Amino acid sequence: MLTNYSTPAGWLLRQKIIPLRANGTEMVMGDNIHPTISTDNKDEITRLFNELKEGGEVYAELGRTFFSEWYGMVKDKFGITWHILHYTRPE
């Protein structure tokens, strides 16, 4: 299931909930949700990413991808995997 929330600060918070793991392994609490934060402010993306990686594990360092100018993926100290990306709305 995929849900979207827009915040007053202009962020788009997207949440993907995965009920079962595709490879048949048991779900771990917190491992079945992958929130995504999208904003057009690169400095805010960097700040959020750096805060989330403290005590966690970086899966993808912040950098350019084919779908975003500034994207990173990190598991925080609580076991939640976050996707943080730069997004500008089409004009």
N, C-alpha and C. Protein backbone atom coordinates (compact mmCIF):
# COMPACT_ATOMS: atom_id res chain seq x y z
N MET A 1 0.85 -1.17 0.00
CA MET A 1 0.00 0.00 0.00
C MET A 1 0.90 1.23 0.00
N LEU A 2 0.51 2.25 -0.75
CA LEU A 2 1.28 3.48 -0.85
C LEU A 2 0.39 4.64 -0.46
N THR A 3 0.89 5.49 0.45
CA THR A 3 0.13 6.66 0.88
C THR A 3 0.99 7.90 0.72
N ASN A 4 0.37 9.04 0.49
CA ASN A 4 1.07 10.32 0.34
C ASN A 4 0.49 11.35 1.29
N TYR A 5 1.37 12.17 1.87
CA TYR A 5 0.97 13.28 2.71
C TYR A 5 1.78 14.51 2.30
N SER A 6 1.14 15.64 2.17
CA SER A 6 1.84 16.90 1.93
C SER A 6 1.85 17.67 3.23
N THR A 7 2.99 18.24 3.60
CA THR A 7 3.11 18.97 4.85
C THR A 7 3.05 20.47 4.58
N PRO A 8 2.73 21.26 5.60
CA PRO A 8 2.74 22.72 5.43
C PRO A 8 4.11 23.27 5.02
N ALA A 9 5.17 22.54 5.36
CA ALA A 9 6.53 22.98 5.00
C ALA A 9 6.85 22.70 3.54
N GLY A 10 5.92 22.07 2.81
CA GLY A 10 6.14 21.79 1.40
C GLY A 10 6.75 20.43 1.13
N TRP A 11 6.88 19.60 2.15
CA TRP A 11 7.41 18.26 1.95
C TRP A 11 6.32 17.35 1.42
N LEU A 12 6.73 16.35 0.68
CA LEU A 12 5.83 15.26 0.31
C LEU A 12 6.33 14.05 1.06
N LEU A 13 5.51 13.50 1.95
CA LEU A 13 5.87 12.31 2.70
C LEU A 13 5.12 11.15 2.10
N ARG A 14 5.85 10.19 1.58
CA ARG A 14 5.26 9.01 0.95
C ARG A 14 5.64 7.81 1.80
N GLN A 15 4.71 6.93 1.99
CA GLN A 15 4.92 5.79 2.85
C GLN A 15 4.51 4.52 2.11
N LYS A 16 5.41 3.58 2.06
CA LYS A 16 5.13 2.30 1.42
C LYS A 16 5.10 1.24 2.51
N ILE A 17 3.99 0.53 2.60
CA ILE A 17 3.83 -0.52 3.60
C ILE A 17 3.85 -1.86 2.87
N ILE A 18 4.76 -2.70 3.29
CA ILE A 18 4.94 -4.00 2.64
C ILE A 18 4.47 -5.07 3.62
N PRO A 19 3.33 -5.73 3.35
CA PRO A 19 2.79 -6.69 4.33
C PRO A 19 3.64 -7.95 4.50
N LEU A 20 4.21 -8.47 3.43
CA LEU A 20 5.03 -9.68 3.50
C LEU A 20 6.27 -9.47 2.67
N ARG A 21 7.32 -10.14 3.02
CA ARG A 21 8.55 -10.03 2.25
C ARG A 21 8.49 -10.97 1.06
N ALA A 22 8.97 -10.49 -0.06
CA ALA A 22 8.88 -11.25 -1.30
C ALA A 22 9.68 -12.55 -1.25
N ASN A 23 10.77 -12.56 -0.48
CA ASN A 23 11.62 -13.76 -0.47
C ASN A 23 11.17 -14.78 0.57
N GLY A 24 10.02 -14.55 1.21
CA GLY A 24 9.47 -15.53 2.13
C GLY A 24 10.00 -15.45 3.55
N THR A 25 10.94 -14.53 3.83
CA THR A 25 11.45 -14.41 5.19
C THR A 25 10.44 -13.67 6.06
N GLU A 26 10.58 -13.83 7.36
CA GLU A 26 9.65 -13.16 8.27
C GLU A 26 9.90 -11.66 8.30
N MET A 27 8.81 -10.93 8.45
CA MET A 27 8.89 -9.49 8.57
C MET A 27 9.45 -9.14 9.94
N VAL A 28 10.32 -8.14 9.99
CA VAL A 28 10.87 -7.62 11.23
C VAL A 28 10.15 -6.30 11.51
N MET A 29 9.75 -6.06 12.76
CA MET A 29 9.05 -4.84 13.10
C MET A 29 9.85 -3.63 12.60
N GLY A 30 9.20 -2.77 11.83
CA GLY A 30 9.84 -1.60 11.26
C GLY A 30 10.44 -1.84 9.89
N ASP A 31 10.60 -3.09 9.52
CA ASP A 31 11.21 -3.42 8.23
C ASP A 31 10.17 -3.46 7.11
N ASN A 32 8.90 -3.32 7.47
CA ASN A 32 7.85 -3.41 6.47
C ASN A 32 7.34 -2.04 6.03
N ILE A 33 8.01 -0.98 6.46
CA ILE A 33 7.60 0.37 6.09
C ILE A 33 8.83 1.13 5.61
N HIS A 34 8.69 1.81 4.48
CA HIS A 34 9.79 2.57 3.90
C HIS A 34 9.30 3.98 3.59
N PRO A 35 9.37 4.90 4.55
CA PRO A 35 8.92 6.27 4.28
C PRO A 35 9.86 6.98 3.31
N THR A 36 9.28 7.86 2.50
CA THR A 36 10.04 8.70 1.58
C THR A 36 9.71 10.15 1.86
N ILE A 37 10.74 10.96 2.01
CA ILE A 37 10.55 12.40 2.16
C ILE A 37 11.08 13.07 0.91
N SER A 38 10.22 13.85 0.27
CA SER A 38 10.60 14.59 -0.94
C SER A 38 10.42 16.08 -0.67
N THR A 39 11.42 16.86 -1.01
CA THR A 39 11.33 18.31 -0.89
C THR A 39 12.22 18.94 -1.95
N ASP A 40 11.97 20.21 -2.24
CA ASP A 40 12.79 20.90 -3.24
C ASP A 40 13.98 21.63 -2.62
N ASN A 41 14.23 21.41 -1.34
CA ASN A 41 15.32 22.08 -0.63
C ASN A 41 16.46 21.09 -0.37
N LYS A 42 17.55 21.21 -1.13
CA LYS A 42 18.67 20.28 -1.00
C LYS A 42 19.33 20.35 0.37
N ASP A 43 19.39 21.54 0.96
CA ASP A 43 19.99 21.67 2.28
C ASP A 43 19.18 20.90 3.32
N GLU A 44 17.87 20.95 3.21
CA GLU A 44 17.00 20.22 4.13
C GLU A 44 17.16 18.71 3.94
N ILE A 45 17.31 18.28 2.70
CA ILE A 45 17.53 16.86 2.42
C ILE A 45 18.82 16.39 3.09
N THR A 46 19.88 17.19 2.95
CA THR A 46 21.17 16.84 3.54
C THR A 46 21.06 16.78 5.06
N ARG A 47 20.39 17.77 5.66
CA ARG A 47 20.23 17.79 7.12
C ARG A 47 19.47 16.55 7.61
N LEU A 48 18.35 16.25 6.96
CA LEU A 48 17.56 15.08 7.35
C LEU A 48 18.35 13.79 7.21
N PHE A 49 19.02 13.64 6.09
CA PHE A 49 19.81 12.44 5.82
C PHE A 49 20.87 12.25 6.90
N ASN A 50 21.59 13.34 7.22
CA ASN A 50 22.66 13.25 8.21
C ASN A 50 22.12 12.91 9.60
N GLU A 51 20.95 13.43 9.95
CA GLU A 51 20.35 13.09 11.24
C GLU A 51 19.89 11.64 11.28
N LEU A 52 19.30 11.16 10.20
CA LEU A 52 18.81 9.79 10.17
C LEU A 52 19.93 8.76 10.18
N LYS A 53 21.08 9.10 9.60
CA LYS A 53 22.15 8.11 9.53
C LYS A 53 22.93 7.96 10.85
N GLU A 54 22.75 8.89 11.80
CA GLU A 54 23.42 8.78 13.09
C GLU A 54 22.94 7.52 13.81
N GLY A 55 23.85 6.60 14.02
CA GLY A 55 23.51 5.34 14.68
C GLY A 55 22.83 4.34 13.77
N GLY A 56 22.72 4.67 12.48
CA GLY A 56 22.06 3.79 11.52
C GLY A 56 23.02 3.26 10.49
N GLU A 57 22.49 2.94 9.32
CA GLU A 57 23.28 2.35 8.23
C GLU A 57 22.89 3.00 6.91
N VAL A 58 23.88 3.49 6.18
CA VAL A 58 23.62 4.13 4.89
C VAL A 58 23.60 3.07 3.80
N TYR A 59 22.50 3.02 3.04
CA TYR A 59 22.39 2.11 1.90
C TYR A 59 22.78 2.80 0.60
N ALA A 60 22.47 4.08 0.48
CA ALA A 60 22.84 4.86 -0.71
C ALA A 60 23.20 6.27 -0.25
N GLU A 61 24.45 6.66 -0.44
CA GLU A 61 24.88 8.02 -0.09
C GLU A 61 24.11 9.03 -0.94
N LEU A 62 23.98 10.24 -0.41
CA LEU A 62 23.31 11.29 -1.18
C LEU A 62 24.04 11.53 -2.49
N GLY A 63 23.30 11.58 -3.57
CA GLY A 63 23.89 11.81 -4.87
C GLY A 63 22.83 11.83 -5.96
N ARG A 64 23.28 12.08 -7.17
CA ARG A 64 22.40 12.18 -8.33
C ARG A 64 22.03 10.78 -8.82
N THR A 65 20.75 10.61 -9.18
CA THR A 65 20.27 9.37 -9.78
C THR A 65 19.48 9.72 -11.04
N PHE A 66 19.00 8.71 -11.73
CA PHE A 66 18.22 8.98 -12.93
C PHE A 66 16.86 9.58 -12.59
N PHE A 67 16.39 9.44 -11.34
CA PHE A 67 15.06 9.95 -10.98
C PHE A 67 15.11 11.15 -10.04
N SER A 68 16.29 11.54 -9.57
CA SER A 68 16.39 12.66 -8.64
C SER A 68 17.78 13.28 -8.69
N GLU A 69 17.82 14.60 -8.53
CA GLU A 69 19.11 15.30 -8.48
C GLU A 69 19.87 15.01 -7.19
N TRP A 70 19.14 14.64 -6.13
CA TRP A 70 19.76 14.47 -4.82
C TRP A 70 18.95 13.42 -4.06
N TYR A 71 19.49 12.21 -3.94
CA TYR A 71 18.76 11.08 -3.34
C TYR A 71 19.68 10.30 -2.42
N GLY A 72 19.12 9.82 -1.33
CA GLY A 72 19.85 8.94 -0.43
C GLY A 72 18.89 7.97 0.25
N MET A 73 19.41 6.83 0.67
CA MET A 73 18.61 5.84 1.37
C MET A 73 19.39 5.41 2.62
N VAL A 74 18.70 5.44 3.75
CA VAL A 74 19.37 5.16 5.02
C VAL A 74 18.42 4.42 5.96
N LYS A 75 18.97 3.48 6.73
CA LYS A 75 18.22 2.82 7.80
C LYS A 75 18.58 3.55 9.09
N ASP A 76 17.58 4.06 9.81
CA ASP A 76 17.85 4.80 11.03
C ASP A 76 18.15 3.85 12.20
N LYS A 77 18.47 4.43 13.34
CA LYS A 77 18.85 3.63 14.52
C LYS A 77 17.71 2.77 15.05
N PHE A 78 16.48 3.03 14.57
CA PHE A 78 15.33 2.24 15.00
C PHE A 78 14.97 1.14 14.00
N GLY A 79 15.72 1.06 12.88
CA GLY A 79 15.49 0.01 11.89
C GLY A 79 14.55 0.39 10.77
N ILE A 80 14.16 1.67 10.68
CA ILE A 80 13.29 2.14 9.61
C ILE A 80 14.16 2.59 8.43
N THR A 81 13.85 2.11 7.23
CA THR A 81 14.58 2.51 6.03
C THR A 81 13.89 3.71 5.41
N TRP A 82 14.63 4.79 5.23
CA TRP A 82 14.13 6.05 4.69
C TRP A 82 14.70 6.33 3.30
N HIS A 83 13.86 6.89 2.44
CA HIS A 83 14.28 7.40 1.15
C HIS A 83 14.12 8.91 1.22
N ILE A 84 15.20 9.65 0.96
CA ILE A 84 15.17 11.11 1.03
C ILE A 84 15.56 11.60 -0.37
N LEU A 85 14.70 12.45 -0.97
CA LEU A 85 15.02 12.88 -2.33
C LEU A 85 14.58 14.29 -2.65
N HIS A 86 15.31 14.87 -3.58
CA HIS A 86 15.02 16.20 -4.11
C HIS A 86 13.95 16.05 -5.18
N TYR A 87 12.92 16.86 -5.04
CA TYR A 87 11.82 16.78 -5.99
C TYR A 87 11.32 18.18 -6.30
N THR A 88 11.19 18.49 -7.54
CA THR A 88 10.58 19.76 -7.95
C THR A 88 9.34 19.42 -8.76
N ARG A 89 8.28 20.12 -8.46
CA ARG A 89 7.03 19.89 -9.18
C ARG A 89 7.13 20.45 -10.61
N PRO A 90 6.61 19.70 -11.57
CA PRO A 90 6.62 20.20 -12.94
C PRO A 90 5.77 21.48 -13.05
N GLU A 91 6.24 22.38 -13.86
CA GLU A 91 5.51 23.66 -14.03
C GLU A 91 4.32 23.51 -14.94
